[in-house]
């Protein structure tokens, strides 16, 4: 075992990972049970990691339907502590490698900063090339991902933990993946390990790792100043449509090397509005997508009925209203918020 693995297994790192993993989830039974005996649980986890007997547990799978139907795979809480401990170790080095305009799952980034950045580009450029990856998490190729991680990790024991986590989720997205064939594939390609469970912290982090070299390709080789990415959605802004069409062809070829495909990329004038992260972004203003307002209105009515029937506390109703209102306020939505929330308008 090397110095990196010793740091990974340290009680200090595991305790910090535990505190991060429990954030916002302390009311759940699995978290409360771990917390009740936290010292014993962490010592046992540390013992298993040091002796290399730790094995990931089974995932709990369920579907969510907003903004679209997706399979979520939740790891046991003690495994989530391990995921946080690994990210504590690896993320600082990768943060220095990520491009500035990568906004998902990063400190001091996020949805709203991505929306602001897209608004800045919309005021500066005439056209946009909009792309998104088909089946992003289900199609991430394990061999390609591991090669990218191993290039910056020189501790074999740490890579063993990476392998354990990768193997534990290899079947999580099987039903969600529709096989795509690429140049050089053979009959055995259908059984190549692929897919990351949506719900793991490591999956979110590794999604950025997987596309990091692609981000640098767009910024350095294509020399696109107006570029940003949020998970698998990315925008390229420019003033010349012919150049955007050339970028499109080069991007399609580059993505194929990652054994991924795109939904048909679209090129259109910015003045018609750029749909991005639930908003439609215009050069001088932003609008929340209508379906997002309708979806929340349905959810809010349901929560109101639950509260009126004494099945949930008022705090849950208020928290939902505040959260949605704060998000919607990033667009020109005063009338919409007043219409949806009425007297709950914040």
C-alpha atoms as a PDB file:
ATOM      1  CA  UNK A   1       0.000   0.000   0.000  1.00  0.00           C
ATOM      2  CA  UNK A   2       1.250   3.465  -0.898  1.00  0.00           C
ATOM      3  CA  UNK A   3       1.035   6.862   0.719  1.00  0.00           C
ATOM      4  CA  UNK A   4      -2.080   7.771  -1.257  1.00  0.00           C
ATOM      5  CA  UNK A   5      -3.948   4.695  -0.016  1.00  0.00           C
ATOM      6  CA  UNK A   6      -2.872   5.389   3.568  1.00  0.00           C
ATOM      7  CA  UNK A   7      -4.377   8.859   3.272  1.00  0.00           C
ATOM      8  CA  UNK A   8      -7.545   7.381   1.788  1.00  0.00           C
ATOM      9  CA  UNK A   9      -7.916   4.932   4.712  1.00  0.00           C
ATOM     10  CA  UNK A  10      -7.094   7.453   7.436  1.00  0.00           C
ATOM     11  CA  UNK A  11      -9.721   7.974  10.119  1.00  0.00           C
ATOM     12  CA  UNK A  12      -9.575  11.722   9.454  1.00  0.00           C
ATOM     13  CA  UNK A  13     -10.506  11.234   5.806  1.00  0.00           C
ATOM     14  CA  UNK A  14     -13.232   8.709   6.593  1.00  0.00           C
ATOM     15  CA  UNK A  15     -14.757  10.960   9.247  1.00  0.00           C
ATOM     16  CA  UNK A  16     -14.793  13.911   6.849  1.00  0.00           C
ATOM     17  CA  UNK A  17     -16.351  11.659   4.203  1.00  0.00           C
ATOM     18  CA  UNK A  18     -19.009  10.510   6.690  1.00  0.00           C
ATOM     19  CA  UNK A  19     -19.934  14.116   7.525  1.00  0.00           C
ATOM     20  CA  UNK A  20     -20.321  14.929   3.832  1.00  0.00           C
ATOM     21  CA  UNK A  21     -22.319  11.780   3.101  1.00  0.00           C
ATOM     22  CA  UNK A  22     -24.829  12.450   5.890  1.00  0.00           C
ATOM     23  CA  UNK A  23     -25.458  16.079   4.894  1.00  0.00           C
ATOM     24  CA  UNK A  24     -29.157  16.594   4.234  1.00  0.00           C
ATOM     25  CA  UNK A  25     -29.917  12.914   4.925  1.00  0.00           C
ATOM     26  CA  UNK A  26     -29.752  12.601   8.717  1.00  0.00           C
ATOM     27  CA  UNK A  27     -33.454  11.800   8.939  1.00  0.00           C
ATOM     28  CA  UNK A  28     -33.070   8.536   7.012  1.00  0.00           C
ATOM     29  CA  UNK A  29     -32.975   5.275   8.964  1.00  0.00           C
ATOM     30  CA  UNK A  30     -29.766   3.984   7.364  1.00  0.00           C
ATOM     31  CA  UNK A  31     -27.952   7.217   8.164  1.00  0.00           C
ATOM     32  CA  UNK A  32     -29.347   7.408  11.705  1.00  0.00           C
ATOM     33  CA  UNK A  33     -28.262   3.812  12.368  1.00  0.00           C
ATOM     34  CA  UNK A  34     -24.728   4.536  11.200  1.00  0.00           C
ATOM     35  CA  UNK A  35     -24.625   7.785  13.162  1.00  0.00           C
ATOM     36  CA  UNK A  36     -25.759   6.116  16.388  1.00  0.00           C
ATOM     37  CA  UNK A  37     -22.580   3.996  16.376  1.00  0.00           C
ATOM     38  CA  UNK A  38     -20.471   6.265  14.191  1.00  0.00           C
ATOM     39  CA  UNK A  39     -17.115   5.602  15.842  1.00  0.00           C
ATOM     40  CA  UNK A  40     -17.535   1.823  15.744  1.00  0.00           C
ATOM     41  CA  UNK A  41     -18.900   1.968  12.185  1.00  0.00           C
ATOM     42  CA  UNK A  42     -16.000   4.091  10.952  1.00  0.00           C
ATOM     43  CA  UNK A  43     -13.394   1.930  12.685  1.00  0.00           C
ATOM     44  CA  UNK A  44     -14.952  -1.185  11.147  1.00  0.00           C
ATOM     45  CA  UNK A  45     -14.979   0.458   7.720  1.00  0.00           C
ATOM     46  CA  UNK A  46     -11.367   1.528   8.141  1.00  0.00           C
ATOM     47  CA  UNK A  47     -10.382  -2.009   9.172  1.00  0.00           C
ATOM     48  CA  UNK A  48     -12.013  -3.462   6.060  1.00  0.00           C
ATOM     49  CA  UNK A  49     -10.300  -0.934   3.791  1.00  0.00           C
ATOM     50  CA  UNK A  50      -6.856  -1.429   5.346  1.00  0.00           C
ATOM     51  CA  UNK A  51      -7.174  -5.218   5.187  1.00  0.00           C
ATOM     52  CA  UNK A  52      -8.687  -4.963   1.671  1.00  0.00           C
ATOM     53  CA  UNK A  53     -11.771  -6.936   2.642  1.00  0.00           C
ATOM     54  CA  UNK A  54     -14.270  -4.155   1.928  1.00  0.00           C
ATOM     55  CA  UNK A  55     -16.882  -5.064  -0.659  1.00  0.00           C
ATOM     56  CA  UNK A  56     -19.631  -2.787  -1.995  1.00  0.00           C
ATOM     57  CA  UNK A  57     -23.189  -3.646  -0.994  1.00  0.00           C
ATOM     58  CA  UNK A  58     -26.278  -3.926  -3.180  1.00  0.00           C
ATOM     59  CA  UNK A  59     -27.898  -0.881  -4.738  1.00  0.00           C
ATOM     60  CA  UNK A  60     -31.470   0.212  -4.103  1.00  0.00           C
ATOM     61  CA  UNK A  61     -33.035   1.083  -7.454  1.00  0.00           C
ATOM     62  CA  UNK A  62     -35.959   3.406  -8.121  1.00  0.00           C
ATOM     63  CA  UNK A  63     -37.184   5.747 -10.847  1.00  0.00           C
ATOM     64  CA  UNK A  64     -37.680   9.492 -10.855  1.00  0.00           C
ATOM     65  CA  UNK A  65     -39.755  11.228 -13.505  1.00  0.00           C
ATOM     66  CA  UNK A  66     -38.638  14.877 -13.384  1.00  0.00           C
ATOM     67  CA  UNK A  67     -37.374  16.344 -15.607  1.00  0.00           C
ATOM     68  CA  UNK A  68     -37.465  12.956 -17.374  1.00  0.00           C
ATOM     69  CA  UNK A  69     -37.698   9.301 -16.374  1.00  0.00           C
ATOM     70  CA  UNK A  70     -34.371   8.067 -15.003  1.00  0.00           C
ATOM     71  CA  UNK A  71     -33.238   5.033 -13.033  1.00  0.00           C
ATOM     72  CA  UNK A  72     -31.551   6.034  -9.766  1.00  0.00           C
ATOM     73  CA  UNK A  73     -29.297   3.529  -8.001  1.00  0.00           C
ATOM     74  CA  UNK A  74     -28.633   4.356  -4.353  1.00  0.00           C
ATOM     75  CA  UNK A  75     -25.648   2.688  -2.687  1.00  0.00           C
ATOM     76  CA  UNK A  76     -25.762   1.675   1.002  1.00  0.00           C
ATOM     77  CA  UNK A  77     -24.774   4.528   3.305  1.00  0.00           C
ATOM     78  CA  UNK A  78     -21.446   2.986   4.363  1.00  0.00           C
ATOM     79  CA  UNK A  79     -20.513   2.656   0.680  1.00  0.00           C
ATOM     80  CA  UNK A  80     -21.380   6.315   0.144  1.00  0.00           C
ATOM     81  CA  UNK A  81     -18.871   7.143   2.883  1.00  0.00           C
ATOM     82  CA  UNK A  82     -16.232   5.270   0.861  1.00  0.00           C
ATOM     83  CA  UNK A  83     -17.269   7.166  -2.288  1.00  0.00           C
ATOM     84  CA  UNK A  84     -16.825  10.498  -0.510  1.00  0.00           C
ATOM     85  CA  UNK A  85     -13.472   9.374   0.921  1.00  0.00           C
ATOM     86  CA  UNK A  86     -12.244   8.493  -2.574  1.00  0.00           C
ATOM     87  CA  UNK A  87     -13.443  11.796  -4.021  1.00  0.00           C
ATOM     88  CA  UNK A  88     -11.762  13.664  -1.149  1.00  0.00           C
ATOM     89  CA  UNK A  89      -8.547  12.075  -2.342  1.00  0.00           C
ATOM     90  CA  UNK A  90      -8.865  12.457  -6.114  1.00  0.00           C
ATOM     91  CA  UNK A  91     -10.950  15.567  -6.751  1.00  0.00           C
ATOM     92  CA  UNK A  92      -8.396  18.265  -5.754  1.00  0.00           C
ATOM     93  CA  UNK A  93      -5.950  17.067  -8.419  1.00  0.00           C
ATOM     94  CA  UNK A  94      -8.662  16.858 -11.082  1.00  0.00           C
ATOM     95  CA  UNK A  95     -10.043  20.286 -10.188  1.00  0.00           C
ATOM     96  CA  UNK A  96      -6.834  21.748 -11.549  1.00  0.00           C
ATOM     97  CA  UNK A  97      -7.343  19.835 -14.795  1.00  0.00           C
ATOM     98  CA  UNK A  98     -10.993  20.671 -15.486  1.00  0.00           C
ATOM     99  CA  UNK A  99     -11.750  23.620 -17.752  1.00  0.00           C
ATOM    100  CA  UNK A 100     -13.238  26.735 -16.156  1.00  0.00           C
ATOM    101  CA  UNK A 101     -16.556  26.347 -17.960  1.00  0.00           C
ATOM    102  CA  UNK A 102     -17.419  22.871 -16.659  1.00  0.00           C
ATOM    103  CA  UNK A 103     -20.257  23.510 -14.231  1.00  0.00           C
ATOM    104  CA  UNK A 104     -21.767  20.269 -12.926  1.00  0.00           C
ATOM    105  CA  UNK A 105     -20.873  18.733  -9.567  1.00  0.00           C
ATOM    106  CA  UNK A 106     -18.107  21.201  -8.739  1.00  0.00           C
ATOM    107  CA  UNK A 107     -17.615  23.568  -5.830  1.00  0.00           C
ATOM    108  CA  UNK A 108     -18.563  27.184  -6.623  1.00  0.00           C
ATOM    109  CA  UNK A 109     -20.109  26.146  -9.947  1.00  0.00           C
ATOM    110  CA  UNK A 110     -23.556  24.575 -10.409  1.00  0.00           C
ATOM    111  CA  UNK A 111     -26.744  25.166 -12.383  1.00  0.00           C
ATOM    112  CA  UNK A 112     -27.214  28.865 -11.734  1.00  0.00           C
ATOM    113  CA  UNK A 113     -23.635  29.843 -12.573  1.00  0.00           C
ATOM    114  CA  UNK A 114     -23.960  27.844 -15.799  1.00  0.00           C
ATOM    115  CA  UNK A 115     -27.148  29.752 -16.646  1.00  0.00           C
ATOM    116  CA  UNK A 116     -25.400  33.078 -15.989  1.00  0.00           C
ATOM    117  CA  UNK A 117     -22.466  32.060 -18.186  1.00  0.00           C
ATOM    118  CA  UNK A 118     -24.785  30.990 -21.011  1.00  0.00           C
ATOM    119  CA  UNK A 119     -26.538  34.357 -20.708  1.00  0.00           C
ATOM    120  CA  UNK A 120     -23.204  36.143 -21.050  1.00  0.00           C
ATOM    121  CA  UNK A 121     -22.400  34.195 -24.214  1.00  0.00           C
ATOM    122  CA  UNK A 122     -25.917  34.801 -25.576  1.00  0.00           C
ATOM    123  CA  UNK A 123     -25.315  38.555 -25.363  1.00  0.00           C
ATOM    124  CA  UNK A 124     -21.921  38.245 -27.078  1.00  0.00           C
ATOM    125  CA  UNK A 125     -22.587  35.830 -29.986  1.00  0.00           C
ATOM    126  CA  UNK A 126     -25.180  35.463 -32.759  1.00  0.00           C
ATOM    127  CA  UNK A 127     -25.439  31.666 -33.050  1.00  0.00           C
ATOM    128  CA  UNK A 128     -25.232  28.578 -30.872  1.00  0.00           C
ATOM    129  CA  UNK A 129     -24.421  24.921 -31.496  1.00  0.00           C
ATOM    130  CA  UNK A 130     -26.353  22.873 -28.933  1.00  0.00           C
ATOM    131  CA  UNK A 131     -25.342  19.283 -28.172  1.00  0.00           C
ATOM    132  CA  UNK A 132     -26.172  16.599 -25.647  1.00  0.00           C
ATOM    133  CA  UNK A 133     -24.868  13.058 -25.251  1.00  0.00           C
ATOM    134  CA  UNK A 134     -27.248  10.156 -25.741  1.00  0.00           C
ATOM    135  CA  UNK A 135     -27.462   7.771 -22.754  1.00  0.00           C
ATOM    136  CA  UNK A 136     -24.555   9.505 -21.045  1.00  0.00           C
ATOM    137  CA  UNK A 137     -24.156   7.626 -17.761  1.00  0.00           C
ATOM    138  CA  UNK A 138     -25.308   4.245 -19.178  1.00  0.00           C
ATOM    139  CA  UNK A 139     -22.783   4.458 -22.039  1.00  0.00           C
ATOM    140  CA  UNK A 140     -19.611   5.425 -20.130  1.00  0.00           C
ATOM    141  CA  UNK A 141     -17.034   2.790 -21.075  1.00  0.00           C
ATOM    142  CA  UNK A 142     -15.217   1.391 -18.034  1.00  0.00           C
ATOM    143  CA  UNK A 143     -11.952   0.650 -19.828  1.00  0.00           C
ATOM    144  CA  UNK A 144     -11.709   4.190 -21.200  1.00  0.00           C
ATOM    145  CA  UNK A 145     -12.661   5.728 -17.861  1.00  0.00           C
ATOM    146  CA  UNK A 146     -10.211   3.600 -15.880  1.00  0.00           C
ATOM    147  CA  UNK A 147      -7.389   4.527 -18.256  1.00  0.00           C
ATOM    148  CA  UNK A 148      -8.134   8.215 -17.677  1.00  0.00           C
ATOM    149  CA  UNK A 149      -8.160   7.769 -13.887  1.00  0.00           C
ATOM    150  CA  UNK A 150      -5.043   5.559 -13.822  1.00  0.00           C
ATOM    151  CA  UNK A 151      -3.071   8.150 -15.788  1.00  0.00           C
ATOM    152  CA  UNK A 152      -3.091  10.333 -12.665  1.00  0.00           C
ATOM    153  CA  UNK A 153      -3.122   7.718  -9.865  1.00  0.00           C
ATOM    154  CA  UNK A 154       0.126   5.870  -9.185  1.00  0.00           C
ATOM    155  CA  UNK A 155      -1.162   3.809  -6.246  1.00  0.00           C
ATOM    156  CA  UNK A 156      -2.381   0.315  -7.208  1.00  0.00           C
ATOM    157  CA  UNK A 157      -4.395  -0.025  -3.995  1.00  0.00           C
ATOM    158  CA  UNK A 158      -6.410   3.109  -4.802  1.00  0.00           C
ATOM    159  CA  UNK A 159      -7.090   1.752  -8.290  1.00  0.00           C
ATOM    160  CA  UNK A 160      -8.383  -1.453  -6.700  1.00  0.00           C
ATOM    161  CA  UNK A 161     -11.037   0.622  -4.897  1.00  0.00           C
ATOM    162  CA  UNK A 162     -11.878   2.310  -8.193  1.00  0.00           C
ATOM    163  CA  UNK A 163     -12.284  -1.122  -9.791  1.00  0.00           C
ATOM    164  CA  UNK A 164     -14.525  -2.371  -6.971  1.00  0.00           C
ATOM    165  CA  UNK A 165     -16.843   0.620  -7.323  1.00  0.00           C
ATOM    166  CA  UNK A 166     -16.918   0.329 -11.114  1.00  0.00           C
ATOM    167  CA  UNK A 167     -17.746  -3.393 -10.994  1.00  0.00           C
ATOM    168  CA  UNK A 168     -20.435  -2.876  -8.363  1.00  0.00           C
ATOM    169  CA  UNK A 169     -22.419  -0.673 -10.742  1.00  0.00           C
ATOM    170  CA  UNK A 170     -21.786  -2.476 -14.016  1.00  0.00           C
ATOM    171  CA  UNK A 171     -25.364  -3.775 -14.242  1.00  0.00           C
ATOM    172  CA  UNK A 172     -27.098  -0.737 -12.750  1.00  0.00           C
ATOM    173  CA  UNK A 173     -27.837   0.877 -16.132  1.00  0.00           C
ATOM    174  CA  UNK A 174     -28.127  -2.263 -18.293  1.00  0.00           C
ATOM    175  CA  UNK A 175     -31.850  -1.793 -18.901  1.00  0.00           C
ATOM    176  CA  UNK A 176     -31.331   1.901 -19.725  1.00  0.00           C
ATOM    177  CA  UNK A 177     -28.671   1.291 -22.384  1.00  0.00           C
ATOM    178  CA  UNK A 178     -29.467   0.672 -26.032  1.00  0.00           C
ATOM    179  CA  UNK A 179     -26.421  -0.828 -27.730  1.00  0.00           C
ATOM    180  CA  UNK A 180     -24.497   1.433 -30.110  1.00  0.00           C
ATOM    181  CA  UNK A 181     -21.825   0.067 -32.443  1.00  0.00           C
ATOM    182  CA  UNK A 182     -18.601   1.861 -33.301  1.00  0.00           C
ATOM    183  CA  UNK A 183     -15.711   1.368 -35.708  1.00  0.00           C
ATOM    184  CA  UNK A 184     -13.541  -1.536 -34.583  1.00  0.00           C
ATOM    185  CA  UNK A 185     -16.269  -3.200 -32.489  1.00  0.00           C
ATOM    186  CA  UNK A 186     -16.834  -6.954 -32.650  1.00  0.00           C
ATOM    187  CA  UNK A 187     -19.463  -9.300 -31.221  1.00  0.00           C
ATOM    188  CA  UNK A 188     -17.829  -9.148 -27.797  1.00  0.00           C
ATOM    189  CA  UNK A 189     -18.255  -5.369 -27.644  1.00  0.00           C
ATOM    190  CA  UNK A 190     -21.853  -5.809 -26.525  1.00  0.00           C
ATOM    191  CA  UNK A 191     -20.593  -7.263 -23.240  1.00  0.00           C
ATOM    192  CA  UNK A 192     -17.944  -4.581 -22.567  1.00  0.00           C
ATOM    193  CA  UNK A 193     -18.378  -3.224 -19.024  1.00  0.00           C
ATOM    194  CA  UNK A 194     -20.095   0.141 -19.250  1.00  0.00           C
ATOM    195  CA  UNK A 195     -22.413   2.414 -17.311  1.00  0.00           C
ATOM    196  CA  UNK A 196     -22.260   4.327 -14.041  1.00  0.00           C
ATOM    197  CA  UNK A 197     -25.105   4.311 -11.494  1.00  0.00           C
ATOM    198  CA  UNK A 198     -26.939   7.625 -11.426  1.00  0.00           C
ATOM    199  CA  UNK A 199     -26.917   8.600  -7.766  1.00  0.00           C
ATOM    200  CA  UNK A 200     -23.302   7.857  -6.842  1.00  0.00           C
ATOM    201  CA  UNK A 201     -21.013  10.774  -5.998  1.00  0.00           C
ATOM    202  CA  UNK A 202     -18.258   8.921  -7.845  1.00  0.00           C
ATOM    203  CA  UNK A 203     -20.449   8.733 -10.967  1.00  0.00           C
ATOM    204  CA  UNK A 204     -20.922  12.510 -10.992  1.00  0.00           C
ATOM    205  CA  UNK A 205     -17.198  13.087 -10.516  1.00  0.00           C
ATOM    206  CA  UNK A 206     -16.179  10.459 -13.065  1.00  0.00           C
ATOM    207  CA  UNK A 207     -18.598  11.917 -15.609  1.00  0.00           C
ATOM    208  CA  UNK A 208     -16.487  15.081 -15.555  1.00  0.00           C
ATOM    209  CA  UNK A 209     -13.281  13.021 -15.717  1.00  0.00           C
ATOM    210  CA  UNK A 210     -14.604  11.140 -18.756  1.00  0.00           C
ATOM    211  CA  UNK A 211     -15.282  14.348 -20.715  1.00  0.00           C
ATOM    212  CA  UNK A 212     -12.378  16.448 -19.414  1.00  0.00           C
ATOM    213  CA  UNK A 213     -10.104  15.763 -22.392  1.00  0.00           C
ATOM    214  CA  UNK A 214     -13.053  16.500 -24.699  1.00  0.00           C
ATOM    215  CA  UNK A 215     -13.522  19.896 -22.981  1.00  0.00           C
ATOM    216  CA  UNK A 216      -9.860  20.716 -23.601  1.00  0.00           C
ATOM    217  CA  UNK A 217     -10.197  19.588 -27.223  1.00  0.00           C
ATOM    218  CA  UNK A 218     -13.026  22.087 -27.757  1.00  0.00           C
ATOM    219  CA  UNK A 219     -11.207  24.922 -25.973  1.00  0.00           C
ATOM    220  CA  UNK A 220      -7.654  24.353 -27.260  1.00  0.00           C
ATOM    221  CA  UNK A 221      -7.911  22.620 -30.633  1.00  0.00           C
ATOM    222  CA  UNK A 222     -11.180  24.071 -31.899  1.00  0.00           C
ATOM    223  CA  UNK A 223     -10.396  27.336 -30.068  1.00  0.00           C
ATOM    224  CA  UNK A 224     -13.974  27.917 -28.972  1.00  0.00           C
ATOM    225  CA  UNK A 225     -14.108  30.789 -26.498  1.00  0.00           C
ATOM    226  CA  UNK A 226     -17.883  30.574 -26.016  1.00  0.00           C
ATOM    227  CA  UNK A 227     -18.095  27.009 -24.699  1.00  0.00           C
ATOM    228  CA  UNK A 228     -19.648  25.563 -21.566  1.00  0.00           C
ATOM    229  CA  UNK A 229     -20.780  22.142 -20.384  1.00  0.00           C
ATOM    230  CA  UNK A 230     -23.132  20.897 -17.681  1.00  0.00           C
ATOM    231  CA  UNK A 231     -22.912  17.086 -17.326  1.00  0.00           C
ATOM    232  CA  UNK A 232     -23.797  15.871 -20.848  1.00  0.00           C
ATOM    233  CA  UNK A 233     -25.295  19.123 -22.181  1.00  0.00           C
ATOM    234  CA  UNK A 234     -22.937  21.557 -23.858  1.00  0.00           C
ATOM    235  CA  UNK A 235     -23.150  24.769 -25.873  1.00  0.00           C
ATOM    236  CA  UNK A 236     -20.758  26.307 -28.403  1.00  0.00           C
ATOM    237  CA  UNK A 237     -21.393  29.951 -29.314  1.00  0.00           C
ATOM    238  CA  UNK A 238     -20.073  31.775 -32.370  1.00  0.00           C
ATOM    239  CA  UNK A 239     -20.796  34.448 -34.962  1.00  0.00           C
ATOM    240  CA  UNK A 240     -20.208  32.368 -38.125  1.00  0.00           C
ATOM    241  CA  UNK A 241     -22.635  29.519 -38.926  1.00  0.00           C
ATOM    242  CA  UNK A 242     -20.161  27.861 -41.301  1.00  0.00           C
ATOM    243  CA  UNK A 243     -17.594  27.624 -38.510  1.00  0.00           C
ATOM    244  CA  UNK A 244     -20.230  26.136 -36.186  1.00  0.00           C
ATOM    245  CA  UNK A 245     -21.037  23.489 -38.817  1.00  0.00           C
ATOM    246  CA  UNK A 246     -17.332  22.636 -39.028  1.00  0.00           C
ATOM    247  CA  UNK A 247     -17.171  22.363 -35.223  1.00  0.00           C
ATOM    248  CA  UNK A 248     -20.177  20.060 -35.314  1.00  0.00           C
ATOM    249  CA  UNK A 249     -18.485  17.531 -37.598  1.00  0.00           C
ATOM    250  CA  UNK A 250     -15.279  17.524 -35.568  1.00  0.00           C
ATOM    251  CA  UNK A 251     -17.216  17.087 -32.325  1.00  0.00           C
ATOM    252  CA  UNK A 252     -19.183  14.136 -33.696  1.00  0.00           C
ATOM    253  CA  UNK A 253     -15.921  12.412 -34.645  1.00  0.00           C
ATOM    254  CA  UNK A 254     -14.326  13.163 -31.278  1.00  0.00           C
ATOM    255  CA  UNK A 255     -17.287  11.903 -29.241  1.00  0.00           C
ATOM    256  CA  UNK A 256     -17.292   8.650 -31.211  1.00  0.00           C
ATOM    257  CA  UNK A 257     -13.781   7.916 -29.900  1.00  0.00           C
ATOM    258  CA  UNK A 258     -15.333   7.888 -26.406  1.00  0.00           C
ATOM    259  CA  UNK A 259     -17.846   5.288 -27.669  1.00  0.00           C
ATOM    260  CA  UNK A 260     -20.655   7.784 -27.331  1.00  0.00           C
ATOM    261  CA  UNK A 261     -23.172   9.399 -29.650  1.00  0.00           C
ATOM    262  CA  UNK A 262     -25.007  12.724 -29.621  1.00  0.00           C
ATOM    263  CA  UNK A 263     -28.625  13.568 -30.173  1.00  0.00           C
ATOM    264  CA  UNK A 264     -28.722  15.498 -33.433  1.00  0.00           C
ATOM    265  CA  UNK A 265     -26.823  18.747 -32.725  1.00  0.00           C
ATOM    266  CA  UNK A 266     -28.766  21.931 -33.460  1.00  0.00           C
ATOM    267  CA  UNK A 267     -27.471  25.259 -34.808  1.00  0.00           C
ATOM    268  CA  UNK A 268     -29.748  28.299 -34.561  1.00  0.00           C
ATOM    269  CA  UNK A 269     -29.772  32.054 -33.853  1.00  0.00           C
ATOM    270  CA  UNK A 270     -29.381  32.987 -30.192  1.00  0.00           C
ATOM    271  CA  UNK A 271     -32.190  35.537 -30.524  1.00  0.00           C
ATOM    272  CA  UNK A 272     -34.721  32.672 -30.809  1.00  0.00           C
ATOM    273  CA  UNK A 273     -33.800  31.526 -27.287  1.00  0.00           C
ATOM    274  CA  UNK A 274     -31.393  28.818 -26.094  1.00  0.00           C
ATOM    275  CA  UNK A 275     -33.069  26.000 -24.108  1.00  0.00           C
ATOM    276  CA  UNK A 276     -30.652  25.111 -21.312  1.00  0.00           C
ATOM    277  CA  UNK A 277     -31.075  23.629 -17.825  1.00  0.00           C
ATOM    278  CA  UNK A 278     -34.818  24.239 -17.643  1.00  0.00           C
ATOM    279  CA  UNK A 279     -34.689  27.825 -18.935  1.00  0.00           C
ATOM    280  CA  UNK A 280     -34.889  29.449 -22.344  1.00  0.00           C
ATOM    281  CA  UNK A 281     -32.071  31.973 -22.522  1.00  0.00           C
ATOM    282  CA  UNK A 282     -32.378  35.088 -24.684  1.00  0.00           C
ATOM    283  CA  UNK A 283     -29.746  37.813 -25.104  1.00  0.00           C
ATOM    284  CA  UNK A 284     -31.513  40.177 -22.677  1.00  0.00           C
ATOM    285  CA  UNK A 285     -33.665  37.930 -20.480  1.00  0.00           C
ATOM    286  CA  UNK A 286     -34.436  34.342 -19.393  1.00  0.00           C
ATOM    287  CA  UNK A 287     -37.690  32.385 -19.248  1.00  0.00           C
ATOM    288  CA  UNK A 288     -38.434  29.246 -17.256  1.00  0.00           C
ATOM    289  CA  UNK A 289     -39.617  26.444 -19.514  1.00  0.00           C
ATOM    290  CA  UNK A 290     -43.386  26.156 -19.329  1.00  0.00           C
ATOM    291  CA  UNK A 291     -43.346  22.427 -18.597  1.00  0.00           C
ATOM    292  CA  UNK A 292     -41.137  23.030 -15.548  1.00  0.00           C
ATOM    293  CA  UNK A 293     -43.719  25.447 -14.120  1.00  0.00           C
ATOM    294  CA  UNK A 294     -46.552  23.003 -14.810  1.00  0.00           C
ATOM    295  CA  UNK A 295     -44.630  20.116 -13.231  1.00  0.00           C
ATOM    296  CA  UNK A 296     -43.959  22.066 -10.039  1.00  0.00           C
ATOM    297  CA  UNK A 297     -47.559  23.279  -9.857  1.00  0.00           C
ATOM    298  CA  UNK A 298     -48.718  19.651  -9.867  1.00  0.00           C
ATOM    299  CA  UNK A 299     -46.194  18.702  -7.194  1.00  0.00           C
ATOM    300  CA  UNK A 300     -47.103  21.699  -5.042  1.00  0.00           C
ATOM    301  CA  UNK A 301     -50.811  20.875  -5.203  1.00  0.00           C
ATOM    302  CA  UNK A 302     -50.008  17.318  -4.166  1.00  0.00           C
ATOM    303  CA  UNK A 303     -47.899  18.515  -1.215  1.00  0.00           C
ATOM    304  CA  UNK A 304     -50.616  20.974  -0.214  1.00  0.00           C
ATOM    305  CA  UNK A 305     -53.157  18.147  -0.133  1.00  0.00           C
ATOM    306  CA  UNK A 306     -50.737  16.062   1.917  1.00  0.00           C
ATOM    307  CA  UNK A 307     -50.317  18.921   4.397  1.00  0.00           C
ATOM    308  CA  UNK A 308     -54.072  19.613   4.544  1.00  0.00           C
ATOM    309  CA  UNK A 309     -54.592  15.942   5.360  1.00  0.00           C
ATOM    310  CA  UNK A 310     -51.980  16.162   8.149  1.00  0.00           C
ATOM    311  CA  UNK A 311     -49.711  13.671   6.369  1.00  0.00           C
ATOM    312  CA  UNK A 312     -46.703  16.008   6.139  1.00  0.00           C
ATOM    313  CA  UNK A 313     -45.450  18.927   8.205  1.00  0.00           C
ATOM    314  CA  UNK A 314     -45.942  22.519   7.065  1.00  0.00           C
ATOM    315  CA  UNK A 315     -42.164  22.941   6.906  1.00  0.00           C
ATOM    316  CA  UNK A 316     -41.910  20.492   4.000  1.00  0.00           C
ATOM    317  CA  UNK A 317     -44.520  22.478   2.081  1.00  0.00           C
ATOM    318  CA  UNK A 318     -42.780  25.788   2.782  1.00  0.00           C
ATOM    319  CA  UNK A 319     -39.327  24.403   1.939  1.00  0.00           C
ATOM    320  CA  UNK A 320     -40.584  23.152  -1.429  1.00  0.00           C
ATOM    321  CA  UNK A 321     -42.142  26.542  -2.239  1.00  0.00           C
ATOM    322  CA  UNK A 322     -39.011  28.461  -1.228  1.00  0.00           C
ATOM    323  CA  UNK A 323     -36.685  26.159  -3.155  1.00  0.00           C
ATOM    324  CA  UNK A 324     -38.663  26.316  -6.401  1.00  0.00           C
ATOM    325  CA  UNK A 325     -39.271  30.060  -6.111  1.00  0.00           C
ATOM    326  CA  UNK A 326     -35.552  30.730  -5.596  1.00  0.00           C
ATOM    327  CA  UNK A 327     -34.693  28.630  -8.652  1.00  0.00           C
ATOM    328  CA  UNK A 328     -37.411  30.142 -10.845  1.00  0.00           C
ATOM    329  CA  UNK A 329     -36.278  33.645  -9.844  1.00  0.00           C
ATOM    330  CA  UNK A 330     -33.192  33.157 -12.046  1.00  0.00           C
ATOM    331  CA  UNK A 331     -35.540  33.864 -14.927  1.00  0.00           C
ATOM    332  CA  UNK A 332     -38.068  36.632 -15.570  1.00  0.00           C
ATOM    333  CA  UNK A 333     -40.763  34.708 -13.741  1.00  0.00           C
ATOM    334  CA  UNK A 334     -42.455  37.015 -11.222  1.00  0.00           C
ATOM    335  CA  UNK A 335     -45.875  36.518 -12.801  1.00  0.00           C
ATOM    336  CA  UNK A 336     -45.386  32.754 -13.059  1.00  0.00           C
ATOM    337  CA  UNK A 337     -44.266  32.436  -9.434  1.00  0.00           C
ATOM    338  CA  UNK A 338     -47.222  34.495  -8.256  1.00  0.00           C
ATOM    339  CA  UNK A 339     -49.605  32.387 -10.360  1.00  0.00           C
ATOM    340  CA  UNK A 340     -48.215  29.059  -9.137  1.00  0.00           C
ATOM    341  CA  UNK A 341     -47.654  29.902  -5.462  1.00  0.00           C
ATOM    342  CA  UNK A 342     -50.330  32.502  -4.819  1.00  0.00           C
ATOM    343  CA  UNK A 343     -50.193  33.521  -1.156  1.00  0.00           C
ATOM    344  CA  UNK A 344     -47.061  31.380  -0.744  1.00  0.00           C
ATOM    345  CA  UNK A 345     -45.172  33.809  -3.000  1.00  0.00           C
ATOM    346  CA  UNK A 346     -41.819  34.505  -1.340  1.00  0.00           C
END
